[in-house]
C-alpha atoms as a PDB file:
ATOM      1  CA  UNK A   1      12.917  -6.290  22.517  1.00  0.00           C
ATOM      2  CA  UNK A   2      13.212  -7.716  18.923  1.00  0.00           C
ATOM      3  CA  UNK A   3      11.970  -6.317  15.699  1.00  0.00           C
ATOM      4  CA  UNK A   4       9.279  -8.159  14.066  1.00  0.00           C
ATOM      5  CA  UNK A   5      10.428  -8.277  10.589  1.00  0.00           C
ATOM      6  CA  UNK A   6       7.385  -7.749   7.529  1.00  0.00           C
ATOM      7  CA  UNK A   7       8.030  -7.519   4.466  1.00  0.00           C
ATOM      8  CA  UNK A   8       5.209  -6.613   1.976  1.00  0.00           C
ATOM      9  CA  UNK A   9       5.064  -7.656  -1.138  1.00  0.00           C
ATOM     10  CA  UNK A  10       3.689  -4.957  -3.912  1.00  0.00           C
ATOM     11  CA  UNK A  11       4.960  -1.918  -1.962  1.00  0.00           C
ATOM     12  CA  UNK A  12       4.258  -0.053  -5.147  1.00  0.00           C
ATOM     13  CA  UNK A  13       1.360  -0.402  -5.701  1.00  0.00           C
ATOM     14  CA  UNK A  14      -2.640   1.311  -3.478  1.00  0.00           C
ATOM     15  CA  UNK A  15      -2.989  -1.171  -1.383  1.00  0.00           C
ATOM     16  CA  UNK A  16       0.704  -2.044  -0.337  1.00  0.00           C
ATOM     17  CA  UNK A  17       1.816   1.641  -0.036  1.00  0.00           C
ATOM     18  CA  UNK A  18      -0.787   2.032   3.192  1.00  0.00           C
ATOM     19  CA  UNK A  19       0.518  -0.969   4.653  1.00  0.00           C
ATOM     20  CA  UNK A  20       4.366  -0.034   4.107  1.00  0.00           C
ATOM     21  CA  UNK A  21       3.614   3.841   5.561  1.00  0.00           C
ATOM     22  CA  UNK A  22       1.842   2.621   8.399  1.00  0.00           C
ATOM     23  CA  UNK A  23       3.101  -0.503   9.437  1.00  0.00           C
ATOM     24  CA  UNK A  24       7.012   1.888   8.872  1.00  0.00           C
ATOM     25  CA  UNK A  25       5.551   4.087  11.389  1.00  0.00           C
ATOM     26  CA  UNK A  26       5.358   2.019  13.816  1.00  0.00           C
ATOM     27  CA  UNK A  27       9.101   1.181  15.604  1.00  0.00           C
ATOM     28  CA  UNK A  28       7.802  -2.300  16.800  1.00  0.00           C
ATOM     29  CA  UNK A  29       8.553  -3.523  13.341  1.00  0.00           C
ATOM     30  CA  UNK A  30      11.250  -3.996  10.967  1.00  0.00           C
ATOM     31  CA  UNK A  31       9.858  -3.341   7.520  1.00  0.00           C
ATOM     32  CA  UNK A  32      10.496  -4.081   4.051  1.00  0.00           C
ATOM     33  CA  UNK A  33       9.007  -2.933   0.692  1.00  0.00           C
ATOM     34  CA  UNK A  34       9.454  -4.706  -3.256  1.00  0.00           C
ATOM     35  CA  UNK A  35       7.808  -4.385  -5.977  1.00  0.00           C
ATOM     36  CA  UNK A  36       7.988  -5.669  -9.275  1.00  0.00           C
ATOM     37  CA  UNK A  37       7.869  -2.740 -11.344  1.00  0.00           C
ATOM     38  CA  UNK A  38       9.960   0.615 -10.766  1.00  0.00           C
ATOM     39  CA  UNK A  39       8.171   3.035 -13.542  1.00  0.00           C
ATOM     40  CA  UNK A  40       4.853   2.547 -11.871  1.00  0.00           C
END
């Protein structure tokens, strides 16, 4: 079975962090998060 690849843009924000956490628990997805500001 192939994993679906998902990128979450804004993964350090409120909504993006929640989406990233929820999707990363599912083994059907290969999740990558990115964000623009390291200090947030």
